[in-house]
Amino acid sequence: MIYTDELLAIEDTIDLLCHNIIESDVVKNYVVTKVALLKNAETQQKVTAFEQAKRSFERVEPYGNHAPDYTEKRRALRKQKRLLDTDERIMRFRVAERELQEVLDYISYDIAQSISPDIKVDAGNPFFEFATRGCGGSCHIG
């Protein structure tokens, strides 16, 4: 690849964009909620209990109802998942994570649209309203 002044200018612009994203309130909120999640002993106990229940269930899952304790382990896993999902710090982190992902989706979409409106952006979020996914079904009609 040959580095031109134009390519270096693009790289500088990308660096500035990254810096602005990192310094944004959305990223700061994401970091604060993640640190709060990681530092809280009660939340970490719930995470550990969920991971243990998940591993325990995964050992019997391939056998389905034929495993003697399949139902009990599945219920224990669901109970731990519910405890995890209702934890205040987990909920705040997930909201912050979703907000950050939305910002990144919009940035990706804006970059793609500035190049060409024909570029498809897969945001990975079914509720991302501006992105068009795939070919719209018309590519298979011959």
Foldseek 3Di string as FASTA:
>chain_A
DDDDPVNVVVVVVVVVVVVCLCPDPLVVQLVVLVVVCVPDPVNVVLVVQLVVLVVVQVVCPVVPPVDPCNVVSVVSNVVSVVVNCPDPSNVSNVVSVVVSLLVVQVVVQVVVVVVPPPDAGCSVDPPNPPGDDDDVPPVPDD
